[in-house]
Each structure stands twice: as C-alpha cells, then as structure tokens.
PDB file of N, CA and C in Angstrom:
ATOM      1  N   MET A   1       8.261  16.812  -0.521  1.00  0.00           N
ATOM      2  CA  MET A   1       8.694  18.204  -0.560  1.00  0.00           C
ATOM      3  C   MET A   1       9.706  18.367  -1.682  1.00  0.00           C
ATOM      4  N   ILE A   2       9.525  19.392  -2.457  1.00  0.00           N
ATOM      5  CA  ILE A   2      10.424  19.662  -3.571  1.00  0.00           C
ATOM      6  C   ILE A   2      11.659  20.412  -3.055  1.00  0.00           C
ATOM      7  N   THR A   3      12.783  20.119  -3.644  1.00  0.00           N
ATOM      8  CA  THR A   3      14.025  20.764  -3.235  1.00  0.00           C
ATOM      9  C   THR A   3      14.228  22.070  -4.008  1.00  0.00           C
ATOM     10  N   ASN A   4      15.049  22.950  -3.446  1.00  0.00           N
ATOM     11  CA  ASN A   4      15.421  24.190  -4.140  1.00  0.00           C
ATOM     12  C   ASN A   4      16.028  23.885  -5.500  1.00  0.00           C
ATOM     13  N   GLU A   5      16.877  22.870  -5.533  1.00  0.00           N
ATOM     14  CA  GLU A   5      17.572  22.510  -6.774  1.00  0.00           C
ATOM     15  C   GLU A   5      16.581  22.106  -7.864  1.00  0.00           C
ATOM     16  N   ARG A   6      15.648  21.263  -7.515  1.00  0.00           N
ATOM     17  CA  ARG A   6      14.654  20.814  -8.493  1.00  0.00           C
ATOM     18  C   ARG A   6      13.731  21.967  -8.900  1.00  0.00           C
ATOM     19  N   TRP A   7      13.314  22.777  -7.927  1.00  0.00           N
ATOM     20  CA  TRP A   7      12.437  23.908  -8.213  1.00  0.00           C
ATOM     21  C   TRP A   7      13.119  24.904  -9.141  1.00  0.00           C
ATOM     22  N   SER A   8      14.413  25.107  -8.948  1.00  0.00           N
ATOM     23  CA  SER A   8      15.144  26.099  -9.743  1.00  0.00           C
ATOM     24  C   SER A   8      15.332  25.663 -11.195  1.00  0.00           C
ATOM     25  N   LYS A   9      15.008  24.429 -11.513  1.00  0.00           N
ATOM     26  CA  LYS A   9      15.085  23.961 -12.906  1.00  0.00           C
ATOM     27  C   LYS A   9      13.813  24.284 -13.683  1.00  0.00           C
ATOM     28  N   LEU A  10      12.778  24.716 -12.977  1.00  0.00           N
ATOM     29  CA  LEU A  10      11.511  25.050 -13.628  1.00  0.00           C
ATOM     30  C   LEU A  10      11.509  26.514 -14.048  1.00  0.00           C
ATOM     31  N   SER A  11      10.778  26.805 -15.115  1.00  0.00           N
ATOM     32  CA  SER A  11      10.612  28.196 -15.530  1.00  0.00           C
ATOM     33  C   SER A  11       9.666  28.893 -14.552  1.00  0.00           C
ATOM     34  N   LEU A  12       9.628  30.216 -14.597  1.00  0.00           N
ATOM     35  CA  LEU A  12       8.703  30.962 -13.753  1.00  0.00           C
ATOM     36  C   LEU A  12       7.263  30.543 -14.049  1.00  0.00           C
ATOM     37  N   PHE A  13       6.955  30.342 -15.325  1.00  0.00           N
ATOM     38  CA  PHE A  13       5.597  29.934 -15.688  1.00  0.00           C
ATOM     39  C   PHE A  13       5.260  28.581 -15.070  1.00  0.00           C
ATOM     40  N   GLU A  14       6.205  27.650 -15.100  1.00  0.00           N
ATOM     41  CA  GLU A  14       5.971  26.340 -14.492  1.00  0.00           C
ATOM     42  C   GLU A  14       5.827  26.451 -12.980  1.00  0.00           C
ATOM     43  N   GLN A  15       6.673  27.249 -12.351  1.00  0.00           N
ATOM     44  CA  GLN A  15       6.592  27.433 -10.908  1.00  0.00           C
ATOM     45  C   GLN A  15       5.225  28.007 -10.514  1.00  0.00           C
ATOM     46  N   MET A  16       4.796  29.047 -11.207  1.00  0.00           N
ATOM     47  CA  MET A  16       3.505  29.665 -10.888  1.00  0.00           C
ATOM     48  C   MET A  16       2.356  28.711 -11.187  1.00  0.00           C
ATOM     49  N   GLY A  17       2.512  27.874 -12.189  1.00  0.00           N
ATOM     50  CA  GLY A  17       1.495  26.866 -12.480  1.00  0.00           C
ATOM     51  C   GLY A  17       1.349  25.867 -11.346  1.00  0.00           C
ATOM     52  N   HIS A  18       2.472  25.451 -10.772  1.00  0.00           N
ATOM     53  CA  HIS A  18       2.425  24.529  -9.630  1.00  0.00           C
ATOM     54  C   HIS A  18       1.801  25.202  -8.406  1.00  0.00           C
ATOM     55  N   ILE A  19       2.133  26.454  -8.210  1.00  0.00           N
ATOM     56  CA  ILE A  19       1.514  27.212  -7.122  1.00  0.00           C
ATOM     57  C   ILE A  19       0.003  27.274  -7.352  1.00  0.00           C
ATOM     58  N   GLY A  20      -0.386  27.518  -8.589  1.00  0.00           N
ATOM     59  CA  GLY A  20      -1.799  27.563  -8.943  1.00  0.00           C
ATOM     60  C   GLY A  20      -2.520  26.255  -8.672  1.00  0.00           C
ATOM     61  N   SER A  21      -1.828  25.141  -8.841  1.00  0.00           N
ATOM     62  CA  SER A  21      -2.435  23.844  -8.542  1.00  0.00           C
ATOM     63  C   SER A  21      -2.790  23.740  -7.064  1.00  0.00           C
ATOM     64  N   GLU A  22      -1.909  24.228  -6.206  1.00  0.00           N
ATOM     65  CA  GLU A  22      -2.199  24.216  -4.767  1.00  0.00           C
ATOM     66  C   GLU A  22      -3.347  25.168  -4.432  1.00  0.00           C
ATOM     67  N   VAL A  23      -3.371  26.316  -5.074  1.00  0.00           N
ATOM     68  CA  VAL A  23      -4.460  27.266  -4.852  1.00  0.00           C
ATOM     69  C   VAL A  23      -5.779  26.652  -5.335  1.00  0.00           C
ATOM     70  N   SER A  24      -5.734  25.927  -6.450  1.00  0.00           N
ATOM     71  CA  SER A  24      -6.922  25.256  -6.966  1.00  0.00           C
ATOM     72  C   SER A  24      -7.436  24.215  -5.977  1.00  0.00           C
ATOM     73  N   ARG A  25      -6.532  23.433  -5.423  1.00  0.00           N
ATOM     74  CA  ARG A  25      -6.924  22.446  -4.408  1.00  0.00           C
ATOM     75  C   ARG A  25      -7.540  23.143  -3.190  1.00  0.00           C
ATOM     76  N   ALA A  26      -6.939  24.245  -2.795  1.00  0.00           N
ATOM     77  CA  ALA A  26      -7.465  25.000  -1.648  1.00  0.00           C
ATOM     78  C   ALA A  26      -8.891  25.478  -1.934  1.00  0.00           C
ATOM     79  N   ARG A  27      -9.101  25.980  -3.141  1.00  0.00           N
ATOM     80  CA  ARG A  27     -10.437  26.452  -3.515  1.00  0.00           C
ATOM     81  C   ARG A  27     -11.456  25.315  -3.450  1.00  0.00           C
ATOM     82  N   LEU A  28     -11.056  24.147  -3.947  1.00  0.00           N
ATOM     83  CA  LEU A  28     -11.976  22.997  -3.904  1.00  0.00           C
ATOM     84  C   LEU A  28     -12.327  22.612  -2.472  1.00  0.00           C
ATOM     85  N   TRP A  29     -11.327  22.606  -1.583  1.00  0.00           N
ATOM     86  CA  TRP A  29     -11.596  22.300  -0.172  1.00  0.00           C
ATOM     87  C   TRP A  29     -12.442  23.386   0.473  1.00  0.00           C
ATOM     88  N   GLN A  30     -12.200  24.624   0.082  1.00  0.00           N
ATOM     89  CA  GLN A  30     -12.989  25.731   0.620  1.00  0.00           C
ATOM     90  C   GLN A  30     -14.461  25.555   0.234  1.00  0.00           C
ATOM     91  N   GLU A  31     -14.708  25.154  -1.008  1.00  0.00           N
ATOM     92  CA  GLU A  31     -16.078  24.931  -1.472  1.00  0.00           C
ATOM     93  C   GLU A  31     -16.753  23.791  -0.712  1.00  0.00           C
ATOM     94  N   ARG A  32     -15.961  22.858  -0.209  1.00  0.00           N
ATOM     95  CA  ARG A  32     -16.490  21.732   0.574  1.00  0.00           C
ATOM     96  C   ARG A  32     -16.527  22.042   2.070  1.00  0.00           C
ATOM     97  N   ASN A  33     -16.209  23.292   2.410  1.00  0.00           N
ATOM     98  CA  ASN A  33     -16.197  23.748   3.807  1.00  0.00           C
ATOM     99  C   ASN A  33     -15.240  22.949   4.685  1.00  0.00           C
ATOM    100  N   ASP A  34     -14.128  22.519   4.103  1.00  0.00           N
ATOM    101  CA  ASP A  34     -13.089  21.804   4.855  1.00  0.00           C
ATOM    102  C   ASP A  34     -11.917  22.767   5.057  1.00  0.00           C
ATOM    103  N   THR A  35     -12.006  23.556   6.113  1.00  0.00           N
ATOM    104  CA  THR A  35     -11.022  24.597   6.394  1.00  0.00           C
ATOM    105  C   THR A  35      -9.631  24.015   6.616  1.00  0.00           C
ATOM    106  N   THR A  36      -9.547  22.894   7.304  1.00  0.00           N
ATOM    107  CA  THR A  36      -8.243  22.284   7.596  1.00  0.00           C
ATOM    108  C   THR A  36      -7.514  21.912   6.317  1.00  0.00           C
ATOM    109  N   SER A  37      -8.199  21.228   5.408  1.00  0.00           N
ATOM    110  CA  SER A  37      -7.574  20.826   4.141  1.00  0.00           C
ATOM    111  C   SER A  37      -7.273  22.032   3.266  1.00  0.00           C
ATOM    112  N   CYS A  38      -8.171  23.010   3.280  1.00  0.00           N
ATOM    113  CA  CYS A  38      -7.949  24.251   2.524  1.00  0.00           C
ATOM    114  C   CYS A  38      -6.684  24.935   3.014  1.00  0.00           C
ATOM    115  N   ASN A  39      -6.546  25.066   4.325  1.00  0.00           N
ATOM    116  CA  ASN A  39      -5.371  25.729   4.892  1.00  0.00           C
ATOM    117  C   ASN A  39      -4.089  24.979   4.586  1.00  0.00           C
ATOM    118  N   ARG A  40      -4.136  23.645   4.593  1.00  0.00           N
ATOM    119  CA  ARG A  40      -2.935  22.860   4.247  1.00  0.00           C
ATOM    120  C   ARG A  40      -2.479  23.169   2.822  1.00  0.00           C
ATOM    121  N   CYS A  41      -3.425  23.270   1.909  1.00  0.00           N
ATOM    122  CA  CYS A  41      -3.074  23.569   0.520  1.00  0.00           C
ATOM    123  C   CYS A  41      -2.504  24.985   0.390  1.00  0.00           C
ATOM    124  N   ILE A  42      -3.082  25.927   1.111  1.00  0.00           N
ATOM    125  CA  ILE A  42      -2.550  27.294   1.071  1.00  0.00           C
ATOM    126  C   ILE A  42      -1.148  27.330   1.675  1.00  0.00           C
ATOM    127  N   GLU A  43      -0.936  26.585   2.750  1.00  0.00           N
ATOM    128  CA  GLU A  43       0.397  26.523   3.362  1.00  0.00           C
ATOM    129  C   GLU A  43       1.410  25.927   2.390  1.00  0.00           C
ATOM    130  N   ARG A  44       1.000  24.923   1.631  1.00  0.00           N
ATOM    131  CA  ARG A  44       1.885  24.344   0.619  1.00  0.00           C
ATOM    132  C   ARG A  44       2.169  25.381  -0.476  1.00  0.00           C
ATOM    133  N   ALA A  45       1.147  26.144  -0.835  1.00  0.00           N
ATOM    134  CA  ALA A  45       1.347  27.203  -1.830  1.00  0.00           C
ATOM    135  C   ALA A  45       2.361  28.223  -1.317  1.00  0.00           C
ATOM    136  N   PHE A  46       2.285  28.559  -0.012  1.00  0.00           N
ATOM    137  CA  PHE A  46       3.273  29.464   0.582  1.00  0.00           C
ATOM    138  C   PHE A  46       4.682  28.896   0.434  1.00  0.00           C
ATOM    139  N   GLU A  47       4.849  27.604   0.690  1.00  0.00           N
ATOM    140  CA  GLU A  47       6.171  26.976   0.554  1.00  0.00           C
ATOM    141  C   GLU A  47       6.698  27.146  -0.859  1.00  0.00           C
ATOM    142  N   LEU A  48       5.828  26.941  -1.848  1.00  0.00           N
ATOM    143  CA  LEU A  48       6.252  27.061  -3.243  1.00  0.00           C
ATOM    144  C   LEU A  48       6.520  28.517  -3.624  1.00  0.00           C
ATOM    145  N   VAL A  49       5.702  29.424  -3.140  1.00  0.00           N
ATOM    146  CA  VAL A  49       5.947  30.856  -3.399  1.00  0.00           C
ATOM    147  C   VAL A  49       7.289  31.264  -2.796  1.00  0.00           C
ATOM    148  N   ASP A  50       7.560  30.787  -1.593  1.00  0.00           N
ATOM    149  CA  ASP A  50       8.831  31.132  -0.950  1.00  0.00           C
ATOM    150  C   ASP A  50      10.023  30.585  -1.730  1.00  0.00           C
ATOM    151  N   LEU A  51       9.875  29.393  -2.305  1.00  0.00           N
ATOM    152  CA  LEU A  51      10.945  28.863  -3.164  1.00  0.00           C
ATOM    153  C   LEU A  51      11.116  29.736  -4.400  1.00  0.00           C
ATOM    154  N   THR A  52      10.019  30.237  -4.933  1.00  0.00           N
ATOM    155  CA  THR A  52      10.074  31.114  -6.108  1.00  0.00           C
ATOM    156  C   THR A  52      10.737  32.443  -5.743  1.00  0.00           C
ATOM    157  N   ILE A  53      10.401  32.971  -4.583  1.00  0.00           N
ATOM    158  CA  ILE A  53      11.029  34.213  -4.127  1.00  0.00           C
ATOM    159  C   ILE A  53      12.537  34.026  -3.957  1.00  0.00           C
ATOM    160  N   ALA A  54      12.946  32.860  -3.490  1.00  0.00           N
ATOM    161  CA  ALA A  54      14.369  32.581  -3.271  1.00  0.00           C
ATOM    162  C   ALA A  54      15.128  32.327  -4.575  1.00  0.00           C
ATOM    163  N   ASP A  55      14.419  32.113  -5.662  1.00  0.00           N
ATOM    164  CA  ASP A  55      15.041  31.838  -6.961  1.00  0.00           C
ATOM    165  C   ASP A  55      15.561  33.152  -7.539  1.00  0.00           C
ATOM    166  N   HIS A  56      16.857  33.320  -7.569  1.00  0.00           N
ATOM    167  CA  HIS A  56      17.490  34.584  -7.975  1.00  0.00           C
ATOM    168  C   HIS A  56      17.221  34.964  -9.423  1.00  0.00           C
ATOM    169  N   ARG A  57      16.757  34.031 -10.236  1.00  0.00           N
ATOM    170  CA  ARG A  57      16.462  34.352 -11.636  1.00  0.00           C
ATOM    171  C   ARG A  57      15.304  35.337 -11.771  1.00  0.00           C
ATOM    172  N   TRP A  58      14.458  35.409 -10.746  1.00  0.00           N
ATOM    173  CA  TRP A  58      13.249  36.214 -10.861  1.00  0.00           C
ATOM    174  C   TRP A  58      13.345  37.527 -10.097  1.00  0.00           C
ATOM    175  N   ARG A  59      14.531  38.035  -9.864  1.00  0.00           N
ATOM    176  CA  ARG A  59      14.700  39.275  -9.110  1.00  0.00           C
ATOM    177  C   ARG A  59      13.905  40.434  -9.706  1.00  0.00           C
ATOM    178  N   GLU A  60      13.828  40.485 -11.039  1.00  0.00           N
ATOM    179  CA  GLU A  60      13.091  41.576 -11.668  1.00  0.00           C
ATOM    180  C   GLU A  60      11.576  41.421 -11.492  1.00  0.00           C
ATOM    181  N   ARG A  61      11.118  40.239 -11.085  1.00  0.00           N
ATOM    182  CA  ARG A  61       9.690  39.993 -10.851  1.00  0.00           C
ATOM    183  C   ARG A  61       9.374  39.851  -9.364  1.00  0.00           C
ATOM    184  N   LEU A  62      10.350  40.149  -8.526  1.00  0.00           N
ATOM    185  CA  LEU A  62      10.210  39.913  -7.087  1.00  0.00           C
ATOM    186  C   LEU A  62       9.032  40.678  -6.481  1.00  0.00           C
ATOM    187  N   LYS A  63       8.842  41.909  -6.889  1.00  0.00           N
ATOM    188  CA  LYS A  63       7.742  42.710  -6.346  1.00  0.00           C
ATOM    189  C   LYS A  63       6.398  42.044  -6.642  1.00  0.00           C
ATOM    190  N   GLU A  64       6.231  41.570  -7.854  1.00  0.00           N
ATOM    191  CA  GLU A  64       4.985  40.909  -8.259  1.00  0.00           C
ATOM    192  C   GLU A  64       4.759  39.614  -7.471  1.00  0.00           C
ATOM    193  N   ILE A  65       5.810  38.823  -7.326  1.00  0.00           N
ATOM    194  CA  ILE A  65       5.706  37.547  -6.612  1.00  0.00           C
ATOM    195  C   ILE A  65       5.400  37.797  -5.133  1.00  0.00           C
ATOM    196  N   CYS A  66       6.067  38.781  -4.551  1.00  0.00           N
ATOM    197  CA  CYS A  66       5.810  39.111  -3.139  1.00  0.00           C
ATOM    198  C   CYS A  66       4.397  39.649  -2.947  1.00  0.00           C
ATOM    199  N   ARG A  67       3.900  40.406  -3.890  1.00  0.00           N
ATOM    200  CA  ARG A  67       2.528  40.908  -3.784  1.00  0.00           C
ATOM    201  C   ARG A  67       1.539  39.746  -3.859  1.00  0.00           C
ATOM    202  N   PHE A  68       1.814  38.782  -4.736  1.00  0.00           N
ATOM    203  CA  PHE A  68       0.959  37.591  -4.810  1.00  0.00           C
ATOM    204  C   PHE A  68       0.931  36.901  -3.447  1.00  0.00           C
ATOM    205  N   ARG A  69       2.106  36.769  -2.827  1.00  0.00           N
ATOM    206  CA  ARG A  69       2.181  36.118  -1.515  1.00  0.00           C
ATOM    207  C   ARG A  69       1.363  36.905  -0.486  1.00  0.00           C
ATOM    208  N   GLU A  70       1.444  38.226  -0.562  1.00  0.00           N
ATOM    209  CA  GLU A  70       0.711  39.083   0.364  1.00  0.00           C
ATOM    210  C   GLU A  70      -0.806  38.903   0.198  1.00  0.00           C
ATOM    211  N   VAL A  71      -1.263  38.823  -1.028  1.00  0.00           N
ATOM    212  CA  VAL A  71      -2.690  38.632  -1.292  1.00  0.00           C
ATOM    213  C   VAL A  71      -3.123  37.237  -0.844  1.00  0.00           C
ATOM    214  N   LEU A  72      -2.281  36.241  -1.076  1.00  0.00           N
ATOM    215  CA  LEU A  72      -2.576  34.880  -0.611  1.00  0.00           C
ATOM    216  C   LEU A  72      -2.654  34.845   0.916  1.00  0.00           C
ATOM    217  N   ALA A  73      -1.757  35.555   1.580  1.00  0.00           N
ATOM    218  CA  ALA A  73      -1.766  35.615   3.045  1.00  0.00           C
ATOM    219  C   ALA A  73      -3.046  36.268   3.550  1.00  0.00           C
ATOM    220  N   ASP A  74      -3.512  37.283   2.853  1.00  0.00           N
ATOM    221  CA  ASP A  74      -4.761  37.935   3.227  1.00  0.00           C
ATOM    222  C   ASP A  74      -5.924  36.949   3.125  1.00  0.00           C
ATOM    223  N   GLN A  75      -5.929  36.159   2.082  1.00  0.00           N
ATOM    224  CA  GLN A  75      -6.968  35.141   1.909  1.00  0.00           C
ATOM    225  C   GLN A  75      -6.894  34.103   3.024  1.00  0.00           C
ATOM    226  N   TYR A  76      -5.676  33.695   3.356  1.00  0.00           N
ATOM    227  CA  TYR A  76      -5.446  32.685   4.398  1.00  0.00           C
ATOM    228  C   TYR A  76      -5.916  33.182   5.759  1.00  0.00           C
ATOM    229  N   ALA A  77      -5.649  34.443   6.047  1.00  0.00           N
ATOM    230  CA  ALA A  77      -6.003  35.021   7.345  1.00  0.00           C
ATOM    231  C   ALA A  77      -7.431  35.556   7.372  1.00  0.00           C
ATOM    232  N   ALA A  78      -8.132  35.420   6.246  1.00  0.00           N
ATOM    233  CA  ALA A  78      -9.499  35.946   6.114  1.00  0.00           C
ATOM    234  C   ALA A  78      -9.536  37.436   6.456  1.00  0.00           C
ATOM    235  N   GLY A  79      -8.453  38.133   6.074  1.00  0.00           N
ATOM    236  CA  GLY A  79      -8.359  39.554   6.367  1.00  0.00           C
ATOM    237  C   GLY A  79      -9.239  40.413   5.485  1.00  0.00           C
ATOM    238  N   HIS A  80      -9.478  39.978   4.281  1.00  0.00           N
ATOM    239  CA  HIS A  80     -10.345  40.680   3.337  1.00  0.00           C
ATOM    240  C   HIS A  80      -9.872  42.088   3.006  1.00  0.00           C
ATOM    241  N   VAL A  81      -8.575  42.342   3.179  1.00  0.00           N
ATOM    242  CA  VAL A  81      -8.038  43.648   2.803  1.00  0.00           C
ATOM    243  C   VAL A  81      -8.088  43.801   1.288  1.00  0.00           C
ATOM    244  N   TYR A  82      -7.680  42.761   0.576  1.00  0.00           N
ATOM    245  CA  TYR A  82      -7.627  42.823  -0.885  1.00  0.00           C
ATOM    246  C   TYR A  82      -8.922  42.381  -1.544  1.00  0.00           C
ATOM    247  N   GLN A  83      -9.750  41.655  -0.828  1.00  0.00           N
ATOM    248  CA  GLN A  83     -11.010  41.142  -1.356  1.00  0.00           C
ATOM    249  C   GLN A  83     -10.801  40.397  -2.668  1.00  0.00           C
ATOM    250  N   VAL A  84      -9.818  39.501  -2.654  1.00  0.00           N
ATOM    251  CA  VAL A  84      -9.510  38.651  -3.791  1.00  0.00           C
ATOM    252  C   VAL A  84      -9.818  37.220  -3.369  1.00  0.00           C
ATOM    253  N   SER A  85     -10.564  36.519  -4.178  1.00  0.00           N
ATOM    254  CA  SER A  85     -10.960  35.146  -3.854  1.00  0.00           C
ATOM    255  C   SER A  85      -9.889  34.158  -4.290  1.00  0.00           C
ATOM    256  N   LEU A  86      -9.975  32.951  -3.754  1.00  0.00           N
ATOM    257  CA  LEU A  86      -9.075  31.879  -4.197  1.00  0.00           C
ATOM    258  C   LEU A  86      -9.291  31.603  -5.680  1.00  0.00           C
ATOM    259  N   ASN A  87     -10.513  31.731  -6.137  1.00  0.00           N
ATOM    260  CA  ASN A  87     -10.803  31.525  -7.554  1.00  0.00           C
ATOM    261  C   ASN A  87     -10.022  32.514  -8.419  1.00  0.00           C
ATOM    262  N   GLU A  88      -9.957  33.767  -7.986  1.00  0.00           N
ATOM    263  CA  GLU A  88      -9.220  34.779  -8.742  1.00  0.00           C
ATOM    264  C   GLU A  88      -7.713  34.522  -8.697  1.00  0.00           C
ATOM    265  N   LEU A  89      -7.211  34.089  -7.546  1.00  0.00           N
ATOM    266  CA  LEU A  89      -5.782  33.739  -7.442  1.00  0.00           C
ATOM    267  C   LEU A  89      -5.458  32.541  -8.320  1.00  0.00           C
ATOM    268  N   GLU A  90      -6.369  31.589  -8.353  1.00  0.00           N
ATOM    269  CA  GLU A  90      -6.184  30.408  -9.200  1.00  0.00           C
ATOM    270  C   GLU A  90      -6.115  30.814 -10.674  1.00  0.00           C
ATOM    271  N   ARG A  91      -7.030  31.671 -11.107  1.00  0.00           N
ATOM    272  CA  ARG A  91      -7.027  32.117 -12.509  1.00  0.00           C
ATOM    273  C   ARG A  91      -5.724  32.832 -12.851  1.00  0.00           C
ATOM    274  N   TYR A  92      -5.230  33.656 -11.922  1.00  0.00           N
ATOM    275  CA  TYR A  92      -3.962  34.362 -12.139  1.00  0.00           C
ATOM    276  C   TYR A  92      -2.836  33.362 -12.391  1.00  0.00           C
ATOM    277  N   CYS A  93      -2.757  32.348 -11.552  1.00  0.00           N
ATOM    278  CA  CYS A  93      -1.691  31.349 -11.683  1.00  0.00           C
ATOM    279  C   CYS A  93      -1.872  30.481 -12.927  1.00  0.00           C
ATOM    280  N   MET A  94      -3.104  30.173 -13.261  1.00  0.00           N
ATOM    281  CA  MET A  94      -3.353  29.298 -14.396  1.00  0.00           C
ATOM    282  C   MET A  94      -2.952  29.946 -15.715  1.00  0.00           C
ATOM    283  N   ASP A  95      -2.972  31.271 -15.773  1.00  0.00           N
ATOM    284  CA  ASP A  95      -2.467  31.935 -16.970  1.00  0.00           C
ATOM    285  C   ASP A  95      -0.986  31.611 -17.179  1.00  0.00           C
ATOM    286  N   PHE A  96      -0.240  31.544 -16.089  1.00  0.00           N
ATOM    287  CA  PHE A  96       1.169  31.144 -16.181  1.00  0.00           C
ATOM    288  C   PHE A  96       1.287  29.695 -16.632  1.00  0.00           C
ATOM    289  N   ALA A  97       0.449  28.825 -16.083  1.00  0.00           N
ATOM    290  CA  ALA A  97       0.492  27.406 -16.431  1.00  0.00           C
ATOM    291  C   ALA A  97       0.199  27.212 -17.922  1.00  0.00           C
ATOM    292  N   LEU A  98      -0.776  27.953 -18.432  1.00  0.00           N
ATOM    293  CA  LEU A  98      -1.091  27.855 -19.852  1.00  0.00           C
ATOM    294  C   LEU A  98       0.066  28.339 -20.703  1.00  0.00           C
ATOM    295  N   ALA A  99       0.712  29.409 -20.270  1.00  0.00           N
ATOM    296  CA  ALA A  99       1.873  29.918 -21.004  1.00  0.00           C
ATOM    297  C   ALA A  99       3.019  28.905 -20.977  1.00  0.00           C
ATOM    298  N   ALA A 100       3.159  28.183 -19.867  1.00  0.00           N
ATOM    299  CA  ALA A 100       4.222  27.170 -19.763  1.00  0.00           C
ATOM    300  C   ALA A 100       3.995  26.023 -20.727  1.00  0.00           C
ATOM    301  N   LYS A 101       2.737  25.725 -21.029  1.00  0.00           N
ATOM    302  CA  LYS A 101       2.390  24.622 -21.926  1.00  0.00           C
ATOM    303  C   LYS A 101       2.479  25.014 -23.392  1.00  0.00           C
ATOM    304  N   LYS A 102       2.519  26.309 -23.644  1.00  0.00           N
ATOM    305  CA  LYS A 102       2.560  26.805 -25.028  1.00  0.00           C
ATOM    306  C   LYS A 102       3.895  26.394 -25.654  1.00  0.00           C
ATOM    307  N   PRO A 103       3.855  25.858 -26.874  1.00  0.00           N
ATOM    308  CA  PRO A 103       5.110  25.457 -27.528  1.00  0.00           C
ATOM    309  C   PRO A 103       6.073  26.630 -27.680  1.00  0.00           C
ATOM    310  N   LYS A 104       7.339  26.354 -27.520  1.00  0.00           N
ATOM    311  CA  LYS A 104       8.361  27.393 -27.677  1.00  0.00           C
ATOM    312  C   LYS A 104       8.352  27.911 -29.112  1.00  0.00           C
ATOM    313  N   GLY A 105       8.580  29.211 -29.247  1.00  0.00           N
ATOM    314  CA  GLY A 105       8.641  29.807 -30.568  1.00  0.00           C
ATOM    315  C   GLY A 105       7.311  30.376 -31.037  1.00  0.00           C
ATOM    316  N   ASP A 106       6.233  30.140 -30.273  1.00  0.00           N
ATOM    317  CA  ASP A 106       4.920  30.688 -30.647  1.00  0.00           C
ATOM    318  C   ASP A 106       4.712  32.052 -30.051  1.00  0.00           C
TER     319      ASP A 106
END
C-alpha cells in the first residue's frame, strides 16, 4: 500500500497514470470473466483515486477527479448510468500517463 506522503510526491499525471494501470488490470480480468480479480483492481483504483482527492494540490481539479471516481463506481456497481466501459476509463487515464512521460519543456 502506498502512503499519502509517497503519493503526494507524484504529479497529477503520474497519479492518474497509476490509477489507469489498475483500471487496465481490471479490464484484463473483466475480459477473462474473473469478476473477483476485476473488482480487486477497481477497489485498488478507488484507493488511489481517494489519495488523489486528498492531495490538496489538485483542489482546482477536484470536480474532475470526483467525477472520474463516480464513473468508476458506476462501472463497479454495474449501474450503467454513464455507460462508460473500463476500456474508455483506461484510455482517459493513459493520456495522463503519456503526458507524465513527456520530457519537461516540450
């Protein structure tokens, strides 16, 4: 388990990239029809999203981060209110991960 202190040293792009990794794992388990493993990965993603929400540096992005959590929760509960797939959530997060890898100054 990652600590608040360690998580707070990451940029928002890095944090969202790590969240995306958990969503990616969940998608892979979902494709294998392993609901238990899929749910564990989504639960881990919730833990990371909650750490991101608690990070005071992102107050101006709080609405966006909370909405992401809400859409992830809908996917987890199979509510289908938003009709957003894990694949789409993964792509959203991976854009952050790619931005985190981009050299500074570009």
